[in-house]
Amino acid sequence: MIIFDTHCHYNMEPLFENWPEYWRQAQAAGVEKSSVIGVNIETSQRALDIAAVDPNLYPILGIHPNEWNDGKLDIRETLGELEQLALSNKGAIAGIGETGLDYFHLPKENHSQIKARQQQAFKLHILLAQKLGVPLVIHVRDKQTPAEPVVGNAYWDALSVLKSTLIPDQAFILHCVSGPIAYIQEAVALGAYIGIAGNSTYPHASAIRDIIAITPADKHLLETDAPFLPPQSHRGESCQPAWIAHTADFLEAELNVDPAQLYTNAVKLFVSY
């Protein structure tokens, strides 16, 4: 089995301090390629530095939506800094993200202002990905999954932003996919890939498995999100990149997801795009 881990944080602790060893262990488990995902300026720079060591590592630069919640970062200034970092490494980067909307971890106050800030930053990330001609990695999370469109819900707000900002044939990934089926179907119709992580193996994750089942096989991607979301066999531990093999085995055995197809999809998106 050959694996492309499409979302991993070698640039974050506890992986970063000894990332070459974690990468070696992942390779021993069958991981041939991996994307390294930024969540702020520092980790985006680290993603570039890490990927410079091995051509099978692909840096993706972005600002996580939760970074905007406390209001300390100036959106235009910070995204300008990200753009300069991306443009100065244009030939090296494989994508922009992770960006998106996260209403799950909102502070107790100023919800509407924070949501507006996240949406503004999300749009600017989409435009930057267009400018660079690279895929977009999207994080969307909410406590509620309404089946029909609801303004103020992260899933439906994200879909609204995508519809108003995407250009034709712009590639994007719903990382660590979740959300209502109707939202998924609309996103896939727009061109979305879905990122499948270790939480798909959890006993109560039937909603995620339903998403996998209704999504075309050529839109599936495999990811760890390490050091987050370990597969069920390591639940409660800090996720190691090598454990993606457990998720791949589960998907093949339980959901008939072809590991070779997962690899082909990722190569098409991040290497041949």
Protein backbone atom coordinates (compact mmCIF):
# COMPACT_ATOMS: atom_id res chain seq x y z
CA MET A 1 0.00 0.00 0.00
CA ILE A 2 1.35 3.42 -1.01
CA ILE A 3 -0.08 6.39 0.91
CA PHE A 4 -0.24 10.13 0.33
CA ASP A 5 -1.05 11.88 3.62
CA THR A 6 -2.82 15.00 2.37
CA HIS A 7 -2.95 16.83 5.71
CA CYS A 8 -0.28 16.56 8.38
CA HIS A 9 1.27 19.02 10.85
CA TYR A 10 4.93 18.07 11.04
CA ASN A 11 5.36 21.81 11.66
CA MET A 12 3.51 21.70 15.01
CA GLU A 13 4.42 20.23 18.37
CA PRO A 14 4.75 17.54 19.53
CA LEU A 15 5.84 16.48 16.02
CA PHE A 16 7.99 19.45 15.03
CA GLU A 17 10.83 18.95 17.52
CA ASN A 18 11.63 15.56 16.00
CA TRP A 19 9.80 15.72 12.70
CA PRO A 20 12.45 13.82 10.62
CA GLU A 21 11.97 10.76 12.82
CA TYR A 22 8.17 10.93 12.55
CA TRP A 23 8.55 11.27 8.77
CA ARG A 24 10.88 8.25 8.70
CA GLN A 25 8.34 6.18 10.67
CA ALA A 26 5.56 7.29 8.34
CA GLN A 27 7.59 6.24 5.31
CA ALA A 28 8.21 2.84 6.91
CA ALA A 29 4.42 2.50 7.27
CA GLY A 30 3.88 3.14 3.55
CA VAL A 31 3.59 6.92 3.37
CA GLU A 32 5.35 8.03 0.19
CA LYS A 33 4.21 11.66 0.15
CA SER A 34 2.72 14.12 2.61
CA SER A 35 1.39 17.65 2.65
CA VAL A 36 2.56 19.86 5.52
CA ILE A 37 -0.16 22.31 6.51
CA GLY A 38 0.30 25.79 7.96
CA VAL A 39 -2.09 27.30 10.50
CA ASN A 40 -0.36 30.68 10.97
CA ILE A 41 2.64 32.57 9.60
CA GLU A 42 5.15 30.72 11.78
CA THR A 43 3.95 27.22 10.89
CA SER A 44 3.60 28.19 7.24
CA GLN A 45 7.27 29.16 7.19
CA ARG A 46 8.08 25.89 8.96
CA ALA A 47 6.11 24.00 6.30
CA LEU A 48 8.37 25.55 3.65
CA ASP A 49 11.50 24.74 5.63
CA ILE A 50 10.46 21.13 6.22
CA ALA A 51 9.42 20.53 2.63
CA ALA A 52 12.74 21.88 1.38
CA VAL A 53 14.40 18.82 2.91
CA ASP A 54 12.48 16.21 0.88
CA PRO A 55 10.68 16.61 -2.47
CA ASN A 56 7.99 14.19 -1.25
CA LEU A 57 6.84 16.78 1.31
CA TYR A 58 4.47 19.46 0.03
CA PRO A 59 4.07 22.80 1.87
CA ILE A 60 0.65 24.41 2.18
CA LEU A 61 0.45 27.91 3.65
CA GLY A 62 -2.48 29.39 5.53
CA ILE A 63 -4.05 30.91 8.61
CA HIS A 64 -6.49 28.76 10.60
CA PRO A 65 -9.89 30.42 11.17
CA ASN A 66 -9.49 30.29 14.95
CA GLU A 67 -6.49 32.61 14.64
CA TRP A 68 -8.92 35.50 13.98
CA ASN A 69 -11.10 34.98 17.04
CA ASP A 70 -9.35 37.25 19.56
CA GLY A 71 -9.18 40.21 17.18
CA LYS A 72 -5.46 40.73 17.69
CA LEU A 73 -4.43 40.02 14.11
CA ASP A 74 -5.11 42.54 11.38
CA ILE A 75 -6.63 40.52 8.55
CA ARG A 76 -5.30 42.57 5.64
CA GLU A 77 -1.85 42.87 7.14
CA THR A 78 -1.56 39.20 8.07
CA LEU A 79 -2.90 37.96 4.73
CA GLY A 80 -0.54 40.37 3.01
CA GLU A 81 2.33 38.75 4.88
CA LEU A 82 1.06 35.31 3.91
CA GLU A 83 0.77 36.38 0.28
CA GLN A 84 4.34 37.67 0.22
CA LEU A 85 5.55 34.40 1.74
CA ALA A 86 3.60 32.44 -0.85
CA LEU A 87 4.64 34.55 -3.83
CA SER A 88 8.31 34.42 -2.86
CA ASN A 89 8.02 30.60 -2.83
CA LYS A 90 5.54 30.28 -5.68
CA GLY A 91 7.23 27.35 -7.36
CA ALA A 92 7.42 25.38 -4.12
CA ILE A 93 4.02 25.60 -2.49
CA ALA A 94 1.31 23.01 -3.16
CA GLY A 95 -1.71 24.82 -1.79
CA ILE A 96 -3.25 27.50 0.42
CA GLY A 97 -4.75 26.63 3.81
CA GLU A 98 -5.85 25.60 6.14
CA THR A 99 -8.48 28.29 6.01
CA GLY A 100 -12.24 28.24 6.38
CA LEU A 101 -14.78 28.75 9.15
CA ASP A 102 -14.79 27.33 12.68
CA TYR A 103 -17.81 28.27 14.76
CA PHE A 104 -17.27 25.33 17.13
CA HIS A 105 -14.73 27.15 19.31
CA LEU A 106 -16.18 30.66 19.31
CA PRO A 107 -15.64 32.75 22.45
CA LYS A 108 -18.69 33.57 24.54
CA GLU A 109 -19.03 37.10 23.15
CA ASN A 110 -18.91 38.95 19.81
CA HIS A 111 -20.03 35.99 17.72
CA SER A 112 -21.24 38.03 14.77
CA GLN A 113 -18.01 40.07 14.57
CA ILE A 114 -15.84 36.97 14.78
CA LYS A 115 -17.84 35.16 12.12
CA ALA A 116 -17.49 38.20 9.85
CA ARG A 117 -13.73 38.25 10.41
CA GLN A 118 -13.41 34.56 9.63
CA GLN A 119 -15.46 34.98 6.45
CA GLN A 120 -13.36 37.92 5.29
CA ALA A 121 -10.13 35.99 5.84
CA PHE A 122 -11.59 32.93 4.12
CA LYS A 123 -12.41 34.95 1.00
CA LEU A 124 -8.89 36.38 0.88
CA HIS A 125 -7.42 32.87 1.09
CA ILE A 126 -9.62 31.76 -1.82
CA LEU A 127 -8.43 34.72 -3.89
CA LEU A 128 -4.80 33.98 -3.02
CA ALA A 129 -5.20 30.35 -4.13
CA GLN A 130 -6.65 31.64 -7.40
CA LYS A 131 -3.73 34.00 -7.87
CA LEU A 132 -1.23 31.20 -7.34
CA GLY A 133 -3.19 28.53 -9.22
CA VAL A 134 -3.04 26.02 -6.36
CA PRO A 135 -5.65 23.99 -4.43
CA LEU A 136 -7.35 25.33 -1.31
CA VAL A 137 -7.47 23.39 1.99
CA ILE A 138 -10.60 24.19 3.99
CA HIS A 139 -11.46 23.60 7.64
CA VAL A 140 -15.17 23.88 8.48
CA ARG A 141 -16.68 23.01 11.84
CA ASP A 142 -19.83 23.84 13.80
CA LYS A 143 -21.74 22.38 16.73
CA GLN A 144 -24.87 22.11 14.59
CA THR A 145 -25.38 20.30 11.26
CA PRO A 146 -28.72 21.60 9.93
CA ALA A 147 -29.97 19.71 6.90
CA GLU A 148 -31.15 22.89 5.19
CA PRO A 149 -29.28 26.20 4.68
CA VAL A 150 -29.01 28.33 7.83
CA VAL A 151 -27.27 31.72 7.87
CA GLY A 152 -24.80 31.78 10.75
CA ASN A 153 -23.97 28.09 10.55
CA ALA A 154 -20.36 27.38 9.56
CA TYR A 155 -21.16 24.75 6.94
CA TRP A 156 -23.74 26.81 5.10
CA ASP A 157 -21.82 30.07 5.51
CA ALA A 158 -18.74 28.37 4.05
CA LEU A 159 -20.76 27.14 1.09
CA SER A 160 -22.09 30.64 0.53
CA VAL A 161 -18.57 32.09 0.54
CA LEU A 162 -17.37 29.41 -1.87
CA LYS A 163 -20.23 30.00 -4.29
CA SER A 164 -19.58 33.74 -4.35
CA THR A 165 -15.78 33.59 -4.57
CA LEU A 166 -14.61 30.44 -6.38
CA ILE A 167 -13.71 30.54 -10.04
CA PRO A 168 -14.55 27.66 -12.43
CA ASP A 169 -12.47 24.50 -11.90
CA GLN A 170 -10.82 25.82 -8.72
CA ALA A 171 -9.80 22.79 -6.66
CA PHE A 172 -10.53 22.66 -2.94
CA ILE A 173 -10.54 20.12 -0.14
CA LEU A 174 -12.96 19.84 2.77
CA HIS A 175 -10.33 18.75 5.26
CA CYS A 176 -11.42 16.33 8.01
CA VAL A 177 -14.83 16.31 6.40
CA SER A 178 -18.02 16.76 8.40
CA GLY A 179 -21.38 18.45 7.99
CA PRO A 180 -24.85 17.84 6.60
CA ILE A 181 -25.22 15.66 3.52
CA ALA A 182 -26.88 18.39 1.44
CA TYR A 183 -23.93 20.71 2.12
CA ILE A 184 -21.49 17.97 1.08
CA GLN A 185 -23.39 17.28 -2.11
CA GLU A 186 -23.41 20.95 -3.07
CA ALA A 187 -19.72 21.31 -2.28
CA VAL A 188 -18.82 18.26 -4.35
CA ALA A 189 -20.87 19.67 -7.21
CA LEU A 190 -18.64 22.76 -6.97
CA GLY A 191 -15.56 20.53 -7.22
CA ALA A 192 -14.75 19.63 -3.62
CA TYR A 193 -12.55 16.76 -2.55
CA ILE A 194 -13.22 15.32 0.91
CA GLY A 195 -10.42 14.65 3.38
CA ILE A 196 -10.90 11.46 5.41
CA ALA A 197 -9.08 11.33 8.74
CA GLY A 198 -8.75 8.91 11.66
CA ASN A 199 -12.03 10.00 13.20
CA SER A 200 -13.79 8.09 10.42
CA THR A 201 -12.86 4.94 12.37
CA TYR A 202 -14.64 5.97 15.58
CA PRO A 203 -17.65 3.84 16.55
CA HIS A 204 -20.04 6.82 16.65
CA ALA A 205 -18.75 8.44 13.44
CA SER A 206 -21.54 7.05 11.24
CA ALA A 207 -22.23 10.55 9.85
CA ILE A 208 -18.68 10.75 8.49
CA ARG A 209 -18.96 7.28 7.00
CA ASP A 210 -22.24 8.31 5.35
CA ILE A 211 -20.41 11.23 3.72
CA ILE A 212 -17.72 8.88 2.42
CA ALA A 213 -20.38 6.56 1.01
CA ILE A 214 -22.19 9.27 -0.98
CA THR A 215 -19.03 10.96 -2.33
CA PRO A 216 -17.55 9.78 -5.66
CA ALA A 217 -14.43 7.65 -5.22
CA ASP A 218 -12.36 10.05 -7.30
CA LYS A 219 -13.04 12.79 -4.71
CA HIS A 220 -11.73 10.90 -1.67
CA LEU A 221 -8.46 11.89 0.01
CA LEU A 222 -6.68 10.30 2.98
CA GLU A 223 -5.18 12.36 5.82
CA THR A 224 -3.97 12.09 9.39
CA ASP A 225 -4.29 15.67 10.67
CA ALA A 226 -1.49 14.51 13.01
CA PRO A 227 -0.94 15.27 15.84
CA PHE A 228 -4.74 15.37 16.00
CA LEU A 229 -7.48 12.76 15.38
CA PRO A 230 -5.74 9.41 15.92
CA PRO A 231 -7.53 6.33 14.56
CA GLN A 232 -9.64 4.27 16.96
CA SER A 233 -6.77 1.89 17.73
CA HIS A 234 -4.86 4.84 19.28
CA ARG A 235 -7.79 6.89 20.56
CA GLY A 236 -6.75 9.33 23.28
CA GLU A 237 -3.13 9.53 22.13
CA SER A 238 -1.32 12.23 20.19
CA CYS A 239 -1.66 11.09 16.58
CA GLN A 240 1.50 9.97 14.80
CA PRO A 241 1.71 10.23 11.01
CA ALA A 242 2.52 6.52 10.64
CA TRP A 243 -0.91 5.63 12.02
CA ILE A 244 -2.54 6.72 8.77
CA ALA A 245 -2.02 3.10 7.67
CA HIS A 246 -4.61 2.02 10.27
CA THR A 247 -7.14 4.42 8.78
CA ALA A 248 -6.39 3.21 5.26
CA ASP A 249 -6.85 -0.42 6.35
CA PHE A 250 -10.17 0.42 8.02
CA LEU A 251 -11.49 2.28 4.98
CA GLU A 252 -10.60 -0.59 2.68
CA ALA A 253 -12.01 -3.32 4.92
CA GLU A 254 -15.15 -1.59 6.19
CA LEU A 255 -16.10 0.88 3.44
CA ASN A 256 -14.51 -0.68 0.34
CA VAL A 257 -12.39 2.43 -0.26
CA ASP A 258 -9.51 1.56 -2.60
CA PRO A 259 -6.12 2.74 -1.22
CA ALA A 260 -4.72 2.99 -4.74
CA GLN A 261 -7.55 5.34 -5.70
CA LEU A 262 -6.82 7.51 -2.66
CA TYR A 263 -3.20 7.83 -3.73
CA THR A 264 -4.10 8.57 -7.35
CA ASN A 265 -6.54 11.30 -6.28
CA ALA A 266 -3.93 13.00 -4.11
CA VAL A 267 -1.24 12.90 -6.78
CA LYS A 268 -3.66 14.38 -9.31
CA LEU A 269 -4.49 17.21 -6.91
CA PHE A 270 -1.14 18.11 -5.38
CA VAL A 271 1.44 16.93 -7.92
CA SER A 272 -0.26 17.17 -11.32
CA TYR A 273 -2.69 20.06 -10.67
